[in-house]
Amino acid sequence: MLDPVGVHVEVLEAAGHRLPRATIQAAYDAGWDDYLQAGQRWPSQAAAYLQVVCHGLAVLGVADAGDELAQRIDARINDVSDMAVYDDSVPVLAAVRGAGFRVALATGRWHDPRPDLDHLALTGCFDRIYHSGEFGHQKDDGRFWGSLVADAELEPAEILLIDDAPDSVRVARGAGLQVLAIHREGSPLGPLPGADLRSLRALLPILGIAGG
């Protein structure tokens, strides 16, 4: 699993900036907070991700003329060629759709995720793709789920969400959706107390689909 803070530490040390890992982690987190609040102001996902790094370096007080350091860090932590899909994802999504369920993706990205999904050969696994930029809200905002429910033309309780982000799980449940929290081993999000699933394949018997 890629360690983005470790990449920051390595690149910054090579450039002569020795800073405590905890300090770099806090700055990186501040960059992500800025993205979650206003990432839509950037013209593309790539530009928004670069600004996460730029924001963090600014918090650290690291001078970065021409964003050279930020670009070196970003090239390593956001390289689409390094992205991978969990082994159970495609077969489980295919089984669920084959059983007659509609399958959608809901992501907190501010920009359309289809280019990355295309790279991973995942776009065709979904009947609908929702992202935060479409609704103007993050997934930890009930308005995101209200807009999704309206678009799906279903009652909230007719929708089952599988999510690994604690805030999204909490808010979606509050909006009336059925929710199963998933936590995979090695998840970069850290522990998820009370997780319902440890793998996507565990969803199949819950839905009464053979192969679980």
Protein backbone atom coordinates (compact mmCIF):
# COMPACT_ATOMS: atom_id res chain seq x y z
CA MET A 1 0.00 0.00 0.00
CA LEU A 2 1.47 3.36 -1.06
CA ASP A 3 2.51 5.61 1.83
CA PRO A 4 1.98 9.22 0.66
CA VAL A 5 3.45 10.73 3.81
CA GLY A 6 6.49 8.49 3.43
CA VAL A 7 6.92 9.81 -0.12
CA HIS A 8 6.79 13.36 1.25
CA VAL A 9 9.44 12.51 3.85
CA GLU A 10 11.73 10.96 1.24
CA VAL A 11 11.46 13.76 -1.32
CA LEU A 12 11.74 16.53 1.26
CA GLU A 13 14.78 14.97 2.92
CA ALA A 14 16.47 14.59 -0.46
CA ALA A 15 15.88 18.32 -0.96
CA GLY A 16 17.40 19.13 2.43
CA HIS A 17 14.18 19.49 4.44
CA ARG A 18 14.27 17.22 7.50
CA LEU A 19 10.94 17.43 9.27
CA PRO A 20 9.18 15.10 11.72
CA ARG A 21 6.85 12.65 10.06
CA ALA A 22 3.99 13.76 12.35
CA THR A 23 4.46 17.35 11.19
CA ILE A 24 4.34 16.30 7.54
CA GLN A 25 1.27 14.14 8.21
CA ALA A 26 -0.55 17.11 9.74
CA ALA A 27 0.33 19.32 6.77
CA TYR A 28 -0.78 16.66 4.27
CA ASP A 29 -4.05 16.26 6.17
CA ALA A 30 -4.54 20.04 5.97
CA GLY A 31 -4.13 19.82 2.20
CA TRP A 32 -6.81 17.13 2.05
CA ASP A 33 -9.13 19.18 4.24
CA ASP A 34 -8.73 22.05 1.80
CA TYR A 35 -9.51 19.69 -1.11
CA LEU A 36 -12.64 18.34 0.56
CA GLN A 37 -13.92 21.84 1.23
CA ALA A 38 -13.14 23.49 -2.09
CA GLY A 39 -11.42 21.09 -4.50
CA GLN A 40 -13.95 21.97 -7.19
CA ARG A 41 -12.22 25.30 -7.76
CA TRP A 42 -9.47 23.53 -9.72
CA PRO A 43 -10.07 22.71 -13.41
CA SER A 44 -9.25 19.00 -13.19
CA GLN A 45 -8.71 16.16 -10.73
CA ALA A 46 -5.00 16.17 -11.52
CA ALA A 47 -4.74 19.88 -10.74
CA ALA A 48 -6.73 19.43 -7.54
CA TYR A 49 -4.49 16.57 -6.36
CA LEU A 50 -1.38 18.63 -7.08
CA GLN A 51 -2.80 21.46 -4.99
CA VAL A 52 -3.24 19.07 -2.05
CA VAL A 53 0.54 18.67 -2.05
CA CYS A 54 1.19 22.37 -2.69
CA HIS A 55 -1.07 23.32 0.21
CA GLY A 56 0.73 20.91 2.53
CA LEU A 57 4.15 22.27 1.56
CA ALA A 58 2.91 25.80 2.18
CA VAL A 59 1.71 24.76 5.64
CA LEU A 60 5.19 23.34 6.29
CA GLY A 61 6.79 26.61 5.18
CA VAL A 62 8.73 24.85 2.43
CA ALA A 63 9.63 27.20 -0.41
CA ASP A 64 8.85 25.47 -3.70
CA ALA A 65 9.58 27.65 -6.70
CA GLY A 66 7.62 26.46 -9.71
CA ASP A 67 6.01 23.72 -7.63
CA GLU A 68 9.01 21.50 -8.42
CA LEU A 69 8.91 19.53 -5.18
CA ALA A 70 5.13 19.29 -5.24
CA GLN A 71 5.20 17.88 -8.76
CA ARG A 72 7.82 15.29 -7.81
CA ILE A 73 5.73 14.17 -4.84
CA ASP A 74 2.46 14.22 -6.76
CA ALA A 75 3.93 12.20 -9.63
CA ARG A 76 4.67 9.39 -7.20
CA ILE A 77 1.54 9.36 -5.04
CA ASN A 78 -1.04 10.00 -7.77
CA ASP A 79 0.36 7.94 -10.63
CA VAL A 80 -2.65 6.26 -12.26
CA SER A 81 -0.41 3.46 -13.53
CA ASP A 82 0.12 2.40 -9.91
CA MET A 83 -3.60 2.08 -9.21
CA ALA A 84 -4.96 -1.43 -8.73
CA VAL A 85 -8.32 -3.10 -8.17
CA TYR A 86 -9.09 -5.52 -5.34
CA ASP A 87 -9.32 -9.04 -6.74
CA ASP A 88 -12.95 -9.49 -5.72
CA SER A 89 -14.26 -6.19 -7.10
CA VAL A 90 -15.04 -7.03 -10.72
CA PRO A 91 -16.50 -10.53 -10.17
CA VAL A 92 -18.69 -9.35 -7.29
CA LEU A 93 -19.97 -6.32 -9.19
CA ALA A 94 -20.72 -8.55 -12.18
CA ALA A 95 -22.57 -11.05 -9.98
CA VAL A 96 -24.66 -8.34 -8.35
CA ARG A 97 -25.63 -6.81 -11.68
CA GLY A 98 -26.28 -10.26 -13.09
CA ALA A 99 -28.76 -10.84 -10.27
CA GLY A 100 -30.78 -7.86 -11.47
CA PHE A 101 -29.55 -5.15 -9.10
CA ARG A 102 -28.54 -1.71 -10.33
CA VAL A 103 -24.98 -0.90 -9.30
CA ALA A 104 -23.67 2.64 -8.89
CA LEU A 105 -20.43 4.24 -7.71
CA ALA A 106 -20.56 7.20 -5.32
CA THR A 107 -17.24 9.01 -4.82
CA GLY A 108 -16.18 12.16 -3.01
CA ARG A 109 -14.08 13.30 -5.96
CA TRP A 110 -14.95 16.76 -7.16
CA HIS A 111 -14.19 15.82 -10.77
CA ASP A 112 -15.53 13.06 -13.00
CA PRO A 113 -13.67 9.84 -12.08
CA ARG A 114 -14.32 8.12 -15.41
CA PRO A 115 -10.79 8.61 -16.83
CA ASP A 116 -9.29 6.67 -13.92
CA LEU A 117 -12.10 4.11 -14.01
CA ASP A 118 -11.45 3.64 -17.72
CA HIS A 119 -7.78 2.98 -16.96
CA LEU A 120 -8.82 0.33 -14.45
CA ALA A 121 -11.44 -1.15 -16.82
CA LEU A 122 -14.14 -0.44 -14.21
CA THR A 123 -16.43 2.05 -15.94
CA GLY A 124 -18.55 -0.71 -17.46
CA CYS A 125 -19.12 -2.27 -14.04
CA PHE A 126 -21.53 0.51 -13.04
CA ASP A 127 -24.96 1.59 -14.22
CA ARG A 128 -24.42 5.08 -12.80
CA ILE A 129 -21.43 7.03 -11.49
CA TYR A 130 -21.95 9.83 -8.95
CA HIS A 131 -19.28 12.25 -7.76
CA SER A 132 -19.26 15.20 -5.39
CA GLY A 133 -18.80 17.73 -8.19
CA GLU A 134 -22.14 16.64 -9.65
CA PHE A 135 -24.06 17.56 -6.50
CA GLY A 136 -21.83 20.25 -4.99
CA HIS A 137 -21.45 18.40 -1.69
CA GLN A 138 -19.16 15.82 -0.12
CA LYS A 139 -20.40 12.41 1.01
CA ASP A 140 -20.35 13.50 4.64
CA ASP A 141 -23.13 15.98 3.81
CA GLY A 142 -26.70 14.69 3.83
CA ARG A 143 -27.46 16.77 0.74
CA PHE A 144 -25.20 14.48 -1.31
CA TRP A 145 -27.35 11.47 -0.42
CA GLY A 146 -30.58 13.40 -0.86
CA SER A 147 -29.54 14.27 -4.42
CA LEU A 148 -28.47 10.71 -5.14
CA VAL A 149 -31.77 9.28 -3.87
CA ALA A 150 -33.71 11.73 -6.01
CA ASP A 151 -31.70 10.84 -9.11
CA ALA A 152 -32.12 7.11 -8.49
CA GLU A 153 -35.90 7.57 -8.13
CA LEU A 154 -35.94 5.19 -5.17
CA GLU A 155 -36.79 5.41 -1.52
CA PRO A 156 -33.68 5.81 0.67
CA ALA A 157 -34.27 2.41 2.29
CA GLU A 158 -34.26 0.78 -1.16
CA ILE A 159 -30.59 1.72 -1.59
CA LEU A 160 -27.76 -0.31 -0.07
CA LEU A 161 -24.48 1.56 0.29
CA ILE A 162 -21.12 -0.16 0.80
CA ASP A 163 -18.58 2.38 2.08
CA ASP A 164 -15.29 2.47 3.98
CA ALA A 165 -15.36 6.07 5.22
CA PRO A 166 -16.81 6.46 8.74
CA ASP A 167 -18.36 9.88 8.10
CA SER A 168 -20.01 8.73 4.87
CA VAL A 169 -21.38 5.65 6.63
CA ARG A 170 -22.81 7.73 9.47
CA VAL A 171 -24.39 10.41 7.29
CA ALA A 172 -25.84 7.98 4.74
CA ARG A 173 -27.46 6.00 7.54
CA GLY A 174 -28.87 9.24 8.90
CA ALA A 175 -30.33 9.93 5.45
CA GLY A 176 -32.21 6.62 5.59
CA LEU A 177 -30.05 4.45 3.33
CA GLN A 178 -29.20 0.90 4.21
CA VAL A 179 -25.45 0.87 4.81
CA LEU A 180 -22.79 -1.80 5.24
CA ALA A 181 -19.40 -0.53 6.36
CA ILE A 182 -16.46 -2.32 4.77
CA HIS A 183 -12.90 -2.40 6.05
CA ARG A 184 -10.26 -4.21 4.05
CA GLU A 185 -6.92 -5.25 5.45
CA GLY A 186 -4.32 -2.58 4.73
CA SER A 187 -6.87 0.16 4.10
CA PRO A 188 -5.23 3.63 4.11
CA LEU A 189 -8.25 4.92 6.04
CA GLY A 190 -7.24 3.02 9.15
CA PRO A 191 -9.51 1.07 11.52
CA LEU A 192 -13.28 1.16 11.05
CA PRO A 193 -14.93 0.04 14.30
CA GLY A 194 -17.97 -2.13 13.76
CA ALA A 195 -17.23 -2.88 10.11
CA ASP A 196 -19.86 -5.18 8.59
CA LEU A 197 -17.69 -6.55 5.77
CA ARG A 198 -14.03 -7.49 5.43
CA SER A 199 -14.26 -8.19 1.71
CA LEU A 200 -16.70 -7.32 -1.05
CA ARG A 201 -17.31 -11.02 -1.69
CA ALA A 202 -19.01 -11.22 1.72
CA LEU A 203 -21.82 -9.13 0.23
CA LEU A 204 -23.04 -11.93 -2.03
CA PRO A 205 -24.67 -14.18 0.60
CA ILE A 206 -26.28 -11.11 2.18
CA LEU A 207 -27.99 -10.45 -1.13
CA GLY A 208 -28.83 -14.13 -1.63
CA ILE A 209 -26.50 -14.45 -4.61
CA ALA A 210 -24.68 -17.75 -5.22
CA GLY A 211 -20.91 -17.63 -5.09
CA GLY A 212 -20.49 -15.95 -1.71
